[in-house]
PDB file of N, CA and C in Angstrom:
ATOM      1  N   MET A   1     -28.475  22.561  -0.295  1.00  0.00           N
ATOM      2  CA  MET A   1     -29.314  21.379  -0.241  1.00  0.00           C
ATOM      3  C   MET A   1     -29.708  20.511   0.171  1.00  0.00           C
ATOM      4  N   ASN A   2     -30.674  19.835  -0.996  1.00  0.00           N
ATOM      5  CA  ASN A   2     -32.012  19.012   0.032  1.00  0.00           C
ATOM      6  C   ASN A   2     -31.474  17.781   0.043  1.00  0.00           C
ATOM      7  N   LYS A   3     -32.376  17.034   0.998  1.00  0.00           N
ATOM      8  CA  LYS A   3     -32.235  15.896   1.629  1.00  0.00           C
ATOM      9  C   LYS A   3     -31.786  14.923   0.690  1.00  0.00           C
ATOM     10  N   GLN A   4     -32.404  14.819  -0.405  1.00  0.00           N
ATOM     11  CA  GLN A   4     -32.009  13.916  -1.912  1.00  0.00           C
ATOM     12  C   GLN A   4     -31.124  14.049  -2.069  1.00  0.00           C
ATOM     13  N   GLU A   5     -30.432  15.394  -2.406  1.00  0.00           N
ATOM     14  CA  GLU A   5     -28.828  16.119  -2.591  1.00  0.00           C
ATOM     15  C   GLU A   5     -27.856  15.495  -1.623  1.00  0.00           C
ATOM     16  N   LEU A   6     -28.103  15.496  -0.351  1.00  0.00           N
ATOM     17  CA  LEU A   6     -27.271  15.037   0.097  1.00  0.00           C
ATOM     18  C   LEU A   6     -26.948  13.532   0.130  1.00  0.00           C
ATOM     19  N   VAL A   7     -28.340  12.565   0.605  1.00  0.00           N
ATOM     20  CA  VAL A   7     -28.284  11.150  -0.529  1.00  0.00           C
ATOM     21  C   VAL A   7     -27.349  11.072  -1.099  1.00  0.00           C
ATOM     22  N   ASP A   8     -27.898  11.652  -2.690  1.00  0.00           N
ATOM     23  CA  ASP A   8     -26.966  11.414  -3.650  1.00  0.00           C
ATOM     24  C   ASP A   8     -25.812  11.572  -3.450  1.00  0.00           C
ATOM     25  N   ALA A   9     -25.114  12.706  -2.897  1.00  0.00           N
ATOM     26  CA  ALA A   9     -23.711  12.989  -2.808  1.00  0.00           C
ATOM     27  C   ALA A   9     -23.183  12.073  -1.711  1.00  0.00           C
ATOM     28  N   VAL A  10     -23.692  11.430  -0.768  1.00  0.00           N
ATOM     29  CA  VAL A  10     -23.458  10.648   0.078  1.00  0.00           C
ATOM     30  C   VAL A  10     -22.586   9.283  -0.242  1.00  0.00           C
ATOM     31  N   ALA A  11     -24.153   8.830  -1.064  1.00  0.00           N
ATOM     32  CA  ALA A  11     -23.731   7.359  -1.400  1.00  0.00           C
ATOM     33  C   ALA A  11     -23.136   7.512  -2.951  1.00  0.00           C
ATOM     34  N   SER A  12     -22.549   8.705  -3.682  1.00  0.00           N
ATOM     35  CA  SER A  12     -21.227   8.270  -4.919  1.00  0.00           C
ATOM     36  C   SER A  12     -20.160   8.301  -3.884  1.00  0.00           C
ATOM     37  N   SER A  13     -20.061   9.177  -2.508  1.00  0.00           N
ATOM     38  CA  SER A  13     -19.377   9.220  -2.328  1.00  0.00           C
ATOM     39  C   SER A  13     -18.297   8.076  -1.463  1.00  0.00           C
ATOM     40  N   THR A  14     -19.696   7.498  -0.922  1.00  0.00           N
ATOM     41  CA  THR A  14     -18.925   5.814  -0.423  1.00  0.00           C
ATOM     42  C   THR A  14     -18.981   5.056  -0.979  1.00  0.00           C
ATOM     43  N   GLY A  15     -19.746   4.900  -2.516  1.00  0.00           N
ATOM     44  CA  GLY A  15     -20.274   3.834  -3.446  1.00  0.00           C
ATOM     45  C   GLY A  15     -21.144   3.074  -2.563  1.00  0.00           C
ATOM     46  N   THR A  16     -22.191   3.458  -1.706  1.00  0.00           N
ATOM     47  CA  THR A  16     -23.087   2.438  -1.198  1.00  0.00           C
ATOM     48  C   THR A  16     -24.910   2.814  -1.733  1.00  0.00           C
ATOM     49  N   SER A  17     -25.765   1.845  -1.730  1.00  0.00           N
ATOM     50  CA  SER A  17     -26.556   2.566  -2.950  1.00  0.00           C
ATOM     51  C   SER A  17     -27.306   3.326  -2.286  1.00  0.00           C
ATOM     52  N   LYS A  18     -27.677   4.478  -2.943  1.00  0.00           N
ATOM     53  CA  LYS A  18     -28.629   5.379  -2.467  1.00  0.00           C
ATOM     54  C   LYS A  18     -30.226   5.241  -1.037  1.00  0.00           C
ATOM     55  N   SER A  19     -30.702   3.881  -1.456  1.00  0.00           N
ATOM     56  CA  SER A  19     -31.792   3.551  -0.088  1.00  0.00           C
ATOM     57  C   SER A  19     -30.782   3.414   0.648  1.00  0.00           C
ATOM     58  N   ALA A  20     -29.967   2.325   0.808  1.00  0.00           N
ATOM     59  CA  ALA A  20     -28.986   2.069   2.810  1.00  0.00           C
ATOM     60  C   ALA A  20     -28.423   3.270   2.653  1.00  0.00           C
ATOM     61  N   THR A  21     -28.308   4.911   1.605  1.00  0.00           N
ATOM     62  CA  THR A  21     -27.746   5.607   2.341  1.00  0.00           C
ATOM     63  C   THR A  21     -28.891   6.246   2.753  1.00  0.00           C
ATOM     64  N   GLY A  22     -29.794   6.619   1.821  1.00  0.00           N
ATOM     65  CA  GLY A  22     -31.197   6.932   2.786  1.00  0.00           C
ATOM     66  C   GLY A  22     -31.348   7.157   3.917  1.00  0.00           C
ATOM     67  N   GLU A  23     -31.169   5.336   4.396  1.00  0.00           N
ATOM     68  CA  GLU A  23     -31.744   4.822   5.659  1.00  0.00           C
ATOM     69  C   GLU A  23     -30.091   5.286   6.562  1.00  0.00           C
ATOM     70  N   ALA A  24     -29.186   4.913   6.106  1.00  0.00           N
ATOM     71  CA  ALA A  24     -28.403   5.848   7.699  1.00  0.00           C
ATOM     72  C   ALA A  24     -28.697   7.368   7.734  1.00  0.00           C
ATOM     73  N   ILE A  25     -29.103   7.909   6.988  1.00  0.00           N
ATOM     74  CA  ILE A  25     -29.205   9.444   7.169  1.00  0.00           C
ATOM     75  C   ILE A  25     -30.326   9.147   8.280  1.00  0.00           C
ATOM     76  N   ASP A  26     -31.309   8.649   7.813  1.00  0.00           N
ATOM     77  CA  ASP A  26     -32.318   9.019   8.504  1.00  0.00           C
ATOM     78  C   ASP A  26     -32.354   8.009  10.235  1.00  0.00           C
ATOM     79  N   ALA A  27     -31.512   7.278  10.032  1.00  0.00           N
ATOM     80  CA  ALA A  27     -31.379   6.800  11.235  1.00  0.00           C
ATOM     81  C   ALA A  27     -30.117   7.757  12.162  1.00  0.00           C
ATOM     82  N   LEU A  28     -29.208   8.643  11.666  1.00  0.00           N
ATOM     83  CA  LEU A  28     -28.901   9.770  11.967  1.00  0.00           C
ATOM     84  C   LEU A  28     -29.413  10.670  12.842  1.00  0.00           C
ATOM     85  N   ILE A  29     -30.169  11.103  11.487  1.00  0.00           N
ATOM     86  CA  ILE A  29     -31.287  12.480  12.130  1.00  0.00           C
ATOM     87  C   ILE A  29     -32.173  11.766  13.697  1.00  0.00           C
ATOM     88  N   GLY A  30     -32.965  10.512  13.237  1.00  0.00           N
ATOM     89  CA  GLY A  30     -33.607  10.024  14.499  1.00  0.00           C
ATOM     90  C   GLY A  30     -32.990   9.933  15.439  1.00  0.00           C
ATOM     91  N   THR A  31     -31.512   9.584  15.802  1.00  0.00           N
ATOM     92  CA  THR A  31     -30.990   9.476  16.646  1.00  0.00           C
ATOM     93  C   THR A  31     -30.514  10.537  18.073  1.00  0.00           C
ATOM     94  N   ILE A  32     -30.397  11.755  16.509  1.00  0.00           N
ATOM     95  CA  ILE A  32     -30.423  12.993  17.172  1.00  0.00           C
ATOM     96  C   ILE A  32     -31.424  13.927  17.498  1.00  0.00           C
ATOM     97  N   ILE A  33     -32.774  13.589  17.028  1.00  0.00           N
ATOM     98  CA  ILE A  33     -33.835  14.216  17.631  1.00  0.00           C
ATOM     99  C   ILE A  33     -34.073  13.489  18.752  1.00  0.00           C
ATOM    100  N   THR A  34     -34.041  11.763  19.209  1.00  0.00           N
ATOM    101  CA  THR A  34     -34.269  11.340  20.521  1.00  0.00           C
ATOM    102  C   THR A  34     -33.200  11.560  21.610  1.00  0.00           C
ATOM    103  N   ALA A  35     -32.096  12.037  21.255  1.00  0.00           N
ATOM    104  CA  ALA A  35     -31.142  12.170  21.877  1.00  0.00           C
ATOM    105  C   ALA A  35     -31.539  13.598  22.933  1.00  0.00           C
ATOM    106  N   LEU A  36     -32.106  14.806  21.651  1.00  0.00           N
ATOM    107  CA  LEU A  36     -31.766  15.436  22.171  1.00  0.00           C
ATOM    108  C   LEU A  36     -33.517  16.158  22.840  1.00  0.00           C
ATOM    109  N   VAL A  37     -34.423  15.595  22.815  1.00  0.00           N
ATOM    110  CA  VAL A  37     -35.988  14.726  23.088  1.00  0.00           C
ATOM    111  C   VAL A  37     -35.502  14.345  24.744  1.00  0.00           C
ATOM    112  N   LYS A  38     -34.833  13.748  24.938  1.00  0.00           N
ATOM    113  CA  LYS A  38     -34.572  13.551  26.572  1.00  0.00           C
ATOM    114  C   LYS A  38     -33.325  14.460  27.583  1.00  0.00           C
ATOM    115  N   GLY A  39     -32.809  15.341  26.457  1.00  0.00           N
ATOM    116  CA  GLY A  39     -32.434  16.668  26.678  1.00  0.00           C
ATOM    117  C   GLY A  39     -30.770  16.209  26.957  1.00  0.00           C
ATOM    118  N   ASP A  40     -30.501  15.244  25.880  1.00  0.00           N
ATOM    119  CA  ASP A  40     -29.082  15.300  26.023  1.00  0.00           C
ATOM    120  C   ASP A  40     -28.085  16.223  24.798  1.00  0.00           C
ATOM    121  N   THR A  41     -27.121  16.616  25.133  1.00  0.00           N
ATOM    122  CA  THR A  41     -26.385  17.353  23.760  1.00  0.00           C
ATOM    123  C   THR A  41     -25.298  15.894  22.872  1.00  0.00           C
ATOM    124  N   VAL A  42     -25.822  16.170  21.749  1.00  0.00           N
ATOM    125  CA  VAL A  42     -24.797  15.406  20.860  1.00  0.00           C
ATOM    126  C   VAL A  42     -24.246  16.720  20.219  1.00  0.00           C
ATOM    127  N   GLN A  43     -22.371  15.755  20.153  1.00  0.00           N
ATOM    128  CA  GLN A  43     -21.264  17.049  19.499  1.00  0.00           C
ATOM    129  C   GLN A  43     -20.506  15.990  18.863  1.00  0.00           C
ATOM    130  N   LEU A  44     -20.432  16.308  17.730  1.00  0.00           N
ATOM    131  CA  LEU A  44     -19.950  15.595  16.430  1.00  0.00           C
ATOM    132  C   LEU A  44     -18.834  16.633  16.198  1.00  0.00           C
ATOM    133  N   ILE A  45     -17.402  16.056  16.983  1.00  0.00           N
ATOM    134  CA  ILE A  45     -16.245  16.631  16.689  1.00  0.00           C
ATOM    135  C   ILE A  45     -15.882  17.078  15.389  1.00  0.00           C
ATOM    136  N   GLY A  46     -15.712  18.005  14.837  1.00  0.00           N
ATOM    137  CA  GLY A  46     -15.684  18.893  13.928  1.00  0.00           C
ATOM    138  C   GLY A  46     -16.456  19.542  13.199  1.00  0.00           C
ATOM    139  N   PHE A  47     -17.538  18.929  13.253  1.00  0.00           N
ATOM    140  CA  PHE A  47     -18.534  19.492  12.923  1.00  0.00           C
ATOM    141  C   PHE A  47     -19.718  20.682  13.675  1.00  0.00           C
ATOM    142  N   GLY A  48     -19.952  19.916  15.339  1.00  0.00           N
ATOM    143  CA  GLY A  48     -20.695  21.060  15.786  1.00  0.00           C
ATOM    144  C   GLY A  48     -21.236  20.223  17.113  1.00  0.00           C
ATOM    145  N   SER A  49     -22.185  20.895  17.996  1.00  0.00           N
ATOM    146  CA  SER A  49     -22.888  20.185  19.080  1.00  0.00           C
ATOM    147  C   SER A  49     -24.091  21.101  18.504  1.00  0.00           C
ATOM    148  N   PHE A  50     -25.395  19.915  19.027  1.00  0.00           N
ATOM    149  CA  PHE A  50     -26.552  20.449  18.860  1.00  0.00           C
ATOM    150  C   PHE A  50     -26.867  19.857  20.970  1.00  0.00           C
ATOM    151  N   GLY A  51     -28.006  21.049  20.818  1.00  0.00           N
ATOM    152  CA  GLY A  51     -28.384  20.824  22.352  1.00  0.00           C
ATOM    153  C   GLY A  51     -29.537  21.411  22.674  1.00  0.00           C
ATOM    154  N   VAL A  52     -30.203  21.703  23.282  1.00  0.00           N
ATOM    155  CA  VAL A  52     -31.916  22.223  23.589  1.00  0.00           C
ATOM    156  C   VAL A  52     -31.477  23.215  24.844  1.00  0.00           C
ATOM    157  N   GLY A  53     -31.666  24.372  24.406  1.00  0.00           N
ATOM    158  CA  GLY A  53     -32.411  25.797  25.399  1.00  0.00           C
ATOM    159  C   GLY A  53     -33.227  26.209  26.142  1.00  0.00           C
ATOM    160  N   ALA A  54     -33.426  26.789  26.588  1.00  0.00           N
ATOM    161  CA  ALA A  54     -34.993  26.774  27.364  1.00  0.00           C
ATOM    162  C   ALA A  54     -35.225  28.608  26.610  1.00  0.00           C
ATOM    163  N   ARG A  55     -36.514  29.083  26.380  1.00  0.00           N
ATOM    164  CA  ARG A  55     -36.683  29.892  26.098  1.00  0.00           C
ATOM    165  C   ARG A  55     -37.725  30.735  27.232  1.00  0.00           C
ATOM    166  N   ALA A  56     -37.810  31.878  27.645  1.00  0.00           N
ATOM    167  CA  ALA A  56     -39.004  32.234  28.339  1.00  0.00           C
ATOM    168  C   ALA A  56     -40.264  32.906  28.225  1.00  0.00           C
ATOM    169  N   ALA A  57     -40.635  32.435  29.377  1.00  0.00           N
ATOM    170  CA  ALA A  57     -42.148  33.344  28.582  1.00  0.00           C
ATOM    171  C   ALA A  57     -42.265  34.211  28.217  1.00  0.00           C
ATOM    172  N   ARG A  58     -43.162  35.359  27.519  1.00  0.00           N
ATOM    173  CA  ARG A  58     -42.626  36.766  27.251  1.00  0.00           C
ATOM    174  C   ARG A  58     -44.084  37.427  26.597  1.00  0.00           C
ATOM    175  N   ASN A  59     -43.840  38.733  26.918  1.00  0.00           N
ATOM    176  CA  ASN A  59     -44.890  39.702  26.023  1.00  0.00           C
ATOM    177  C   ASN A  59     -44.599  39.704  24.880  1.00  0.00           C
ATOM    178  N   GLY A  60     -46.179  39.638  23.796  1.00  0.00           N
ATOM    179  CA  GLY A  60     -45.395  39.985  21.987  1.00  0.00           C
ATOM    180  C   GLY A  60     -46.751  40.835  22.221  1.00  0.00           C
ATOM    181  N   ARG A  61     -46.820  41.132  20.919  1.00  0.00           N
ATOM    182  CA  ARG A  61     -47.729  41.807  20.123  1.00  0.00           C
ATOM    183  C   ARG A  61     -48.265  40.963  19.116  1.00  0.00           C
ATOM    184  N   ASN A  62     -49.606  41.182  18.676  1.00  0.00           N
ATOM    185  CA  ASN A  62     -50.031  40.998  17.579  1.00  0.00           C
ATOM    186  C   ASN A  62     -50.108  41.737  16.452  1.00  0.00           C
ATOM    187  N   PRO A  63     -48.945  41.194  15.296  1.00  0.00           N
ATOM    188  CA  PRO A  63     -49.019  42.349  14.484  1.00  0.00           C
ATOM    189  C   PRO A  63     -50.121  43.063  13.619  1.00  0.00           C
ATOM    190  N   ALA A  64     -51.062  42.389  13.507  1.00  0.00           N
ATOM    191  CA  ALA A  64     -52.311  42.791  12.553  1.00  0.00           C
ATOM    192  C   ALA A  64     -52.886  43.689  13.415  1.00  0.00           C
ATOM    193  N   THR A  65     -53.471  43.174  14.591  1.00  0.00           N
ATOM    194  CA  THR A  65     -53.977  44.334  15.769  1.00  0.00           C
ATOM    195  C   THR A  65     -53.262  45.051  16.917  1.00  0.00           C
ATOM    196  N   GLY A  66     -52.139  44.563  16.965  1.00  0.00           N
ATOM    197  CA  GLY A  66     -51.716  45.515  17.365  1.00  0.00           C
ATOM    198  C   GLY A  66     -51.640  45.265  19.688  1.00  0.00           C
ATOM    199  N   ALA A  67     -52.447  44.194  19.183  1.00  0.00           N
ATOM    200  CA  ALA A  67     -53.228  43.367  21.517  1.00  0.00           C
ATOM    201  C   ALA A  67     -51.743  42.908  21.809  1.00  0.00           C
ATOM    202  N   GLU A  68     -51.785  43.121  22.924  1.00  0.00           N
ATOM    203  CA  GLU A  68     -51.053  42.568  23.907  1.00  0.00           C
ATOM    204  C   GLU A  68     -51.277  41.005  24.248  1.00  0.00           C
ATOM    205  N   LEU A  69     -50.371  39.917  23.810  1.00  0.00           N
ATOM    206  CA  LEU A  69     -50.712  38.489  23.918  1.00  0.00           C
ATOM    207  C   LEU A  69     -49.853  37.769  25.122  1.00  0.00           C
ATOM    208  N   LYS A  70     -49.420  36.948  24.952  1.00  0.00           N
ATOM    209  CA  LYS A  70     -48.143  36.460  25.860  1.00  0.00           C
ATOM    210  C   LYS A  70     -48.021  35.308  25.214  1.00  0.00           C
ATOM    211  N   ILE A  71     -46.596  34.876  25.293  1.00  0.00           N
ATOM    212  CA  ILE A  71     -46.266  34.030  24.707  1.00  0.00           C
ATOM    213  C   ILE A  71     -45.376  32.955  25.543  1.00  0.00           C
ATOM    214  N   PRO A  72     -46.290  31.798  25.541  1.00  0.00           N
ATOM    215  CA  PRO A  72     -45.257  30.903  26.670  1.00  0.00           C
ATOM    216  C   PRO A  72     -43.919  30.333  26.469  1.00  0.00           C
ATOM    217  N   ALA A  73     -43.465  30.206  27.566  1.00  0.00           N
ATOM    218  CA  ALA A  73     -42.583  29.225  27.494  1.00  0.00           C
ATOM    219  C   ALA A  73     -42.369  27.981  26.850  1.00  0.00           C
ATOM    220  N   SER A  74     -40.854  27.912  26.243  1.00  0.00           N
ATOM    221  CA  SER A  74     -40.443  26.914  25.234  1.00  0.00           C
ATOM    222  C   SER A  74     -39.316  26.039  25.241  1.00  0.00           C
ATOM    223  N   LYS A  75     -39.088  25.107  24.006  1.00  0.00           N
ATOM    224  CA  LYS A  75     -37.721  24.610  24.377  1.00  0.00           C
ATOM    225  C   LYS A  75     -37.544  24.954  23.162  1.00  0.00           C
ATOM    226  N   THR A  76     -35.636  25.226  23.000  1.00  0.00           N
ATOM    227  CA  THR A  76     -35.575  25.410  21.465  1.00  0.00           C
ATOM    228  C   THR A  76     -34.102  24.747  20.667  1.00  0.00           C
ATOM    229  N   VAL A  77     -34.076  24.297  20.016  1.00  0.00           N
ATOM    230  CA  VAL A  77     -32.714  23.421  19.553  1.00  0.00           C
ATOM    231  C   VAL A  77     -31.467  24.644  19.335  1.00  0.00           C
ATOM    232  N   LYS A  78     -30.334  24.633  19.610  1.00  0.00           N
ATOM    233  CA  LYS A  78     -29.800  25.370  19.434  1.00  0.00           C
ATOM    234  C   LYS A  78     -28.191  24.390  18.985  1.00  0.00           C
ATOM    235  N   PHE A  79     -27.726  24.855  17.621  1.00  0.00           N
ATOM    236  CA  PHE A  79     -26.717  24.332  17.471  1.00  0.00           C
ATOM    237  C   PHE A  79     -25.222  25.378  17.020  1.00  0.00           C
ATOM    238  N   ILE A  80     -24.190  24.043  18.158  1.00  0.00           N
ATOM    239  CA  ILE A  80     -23.206  25.608  17.740  1.00  0.00           C
ATOM    240  C   ILE A  80     -22.104  24.937  17.051  1.00  0.00           C
ATOM    241  N   ALA A  81     -21.748  26.044  16.283  1.00  0.00           N
ATOM    242  CA  ALA A  81     -20.826  24.983  14.577  1.00  0.00           C
ATOM    243  C   ALA A  81     -19.185  24.892  15.439  1.00  0.00           C
ATOM    244  N   GLY A  82     -18.286  23.612  14.995  1.00  0.00           N
ATOM    245  CA  GLY A  82     -17.225  23.381  15.405  1.00  0.00           C
ATOM    246  C   GLY A  82     -15.898  24.246  14.537  1.00  0.00           C
ATOM    247  N   LYS A  83     -14.870  24.259  15.242  1.00  0.00           N
ATOM    248  CA  LYS A  83     -14.331  25.057  15.052  1.00  0.00           C
ATOM    249  C   LYS A  83     -13.530  24.732  13.541  1.00  0.00           C
ATOM    250  N   ALA A  84     -13.361  23.049  13.118  1.00  0.00           N
ATOM    251  CA  ALA A  84     -13.469  22.844  11.806  1.00  0.00           C
ATOM    252  C   ALA A  84     -14.079  23.254  10.956  1.00  0.00           C
ATOM    253  N   PHE A  85     -15.838  23.357  11.272  1.00  0.00           N
ATOM    254  CA  PHE A  85     -16.412  23.458  10.485  1.00  0.00           C
ATOM    255  C   PHE A  85     -16.306  25.228   9.964  1.00  0.00           C
ATOM    256  N   LYS A  86     -16.130  26.157  11.476  1.00  0.00           N
ATOM    257  CA  LYS A  86     -16.272  27.618  10.805  1.00  0.00           C
ATOM    258  C   LYS A  86     -14.727  27.621  10.453  1.00  0.00           C
ATOM    259  N   ASP A  87     -13.743  26.999  10.313  1.00  0.00           N
ATOM    260  CA  ASP A  87     -12.626  27.700   9.425  1.00  0.00           C
ATOM    261  C   ASP A  87     -12.810  27.055   7.598  1.00  0.00           C
ATOM    262  N   ALA A  88     -13.778  26.152   7.913  1.00  0.00           N
ATOM    263  CA  ALA A  88     -14.028  25.390   6.243  1.00  0.00           C
ATOM    264  C   ALA A  88     -14.958  26.867   5.957  1.00  0.00           C
ATOM    265  N   VAL A  89     -15.580  26.976   6.303  1.00  0.00           N
ATOM    266  CA  VAL A  89     -16.969  28.204   6.170  1.00  0.00           C
ATOM    267  C   VAL A  89     -16.485  29.288   5.257  1.00  0.00           C
ATOM    268  N   ASN A  90     -14.943  30.009   6.484  1.00  0.00           N
ATOM    269  CA  ASN A  90     -14.484  30.966   6.111  1.00  0.00           C
ATOM    270  C   ASN A  90     -13.411  30.835   5.317  1.00  0.00           C
ATOM    271  N   GLY A  91     -13.082  29.781   4.621  1.00  0.00           N
ATOM    272  CA  GLY A  91     -11.993  29.254   3.735  1.00  0.00           C
ATOM    273  C   GLY A  91     -10.346  28.939   4.347  1.00  0.00           C
ATOM    274  N   HIS A  92     -10.778  28.971   5.455  1.00  0.00           N
ATOM    275  CA  HIS A  92      -9.342  28.654   6.500  1.00  0.00           C
ATOM    276  C   HIS A  92      -8.874  27.165   6.033  1.00  0.00           C
ATOM    277  N   ARG A  93      -9.315  26.557   4.965  1.00  0.00           N
ATOM    278  CA  ARG A  93      -9.066  24.688   5.478  1.00  0.00           C
ATOM    279  C   ARG A  93      -7.434  24.593   5.233  1.00  0.00           C
ATOM    280  N   LYS A  94      -7.534  23.586   5.920  1.00  0.00           N
ATOM    281  CA  LYS A  94      -6.009  23.045   6.290  1.00  0.00           C
ATOM    282  C   LYS A  94      -5.353  21.701   5.047  1.00  0.00           C
TER     283      LYS A  94
END
């Protein structure tokens, strides 16, 4: 499912316009990104939690030449699925 299909599905299930639904989804995504940039964790009960993790600096290799290179430390986004989400995916719906 891509973003437009998500907008269509949410608009049809809520009875709102596609443009209003698209703006709401954009606002939700923007708010989550802003919170993560500030270092906050975003928890959506029944769905999961988004957070920021640290990736340490390490050595790697260029696959084309085999030359060793240094990969700098970076931040990464992590997602932990909630129990209800895991159960739904595994077919254990209530």
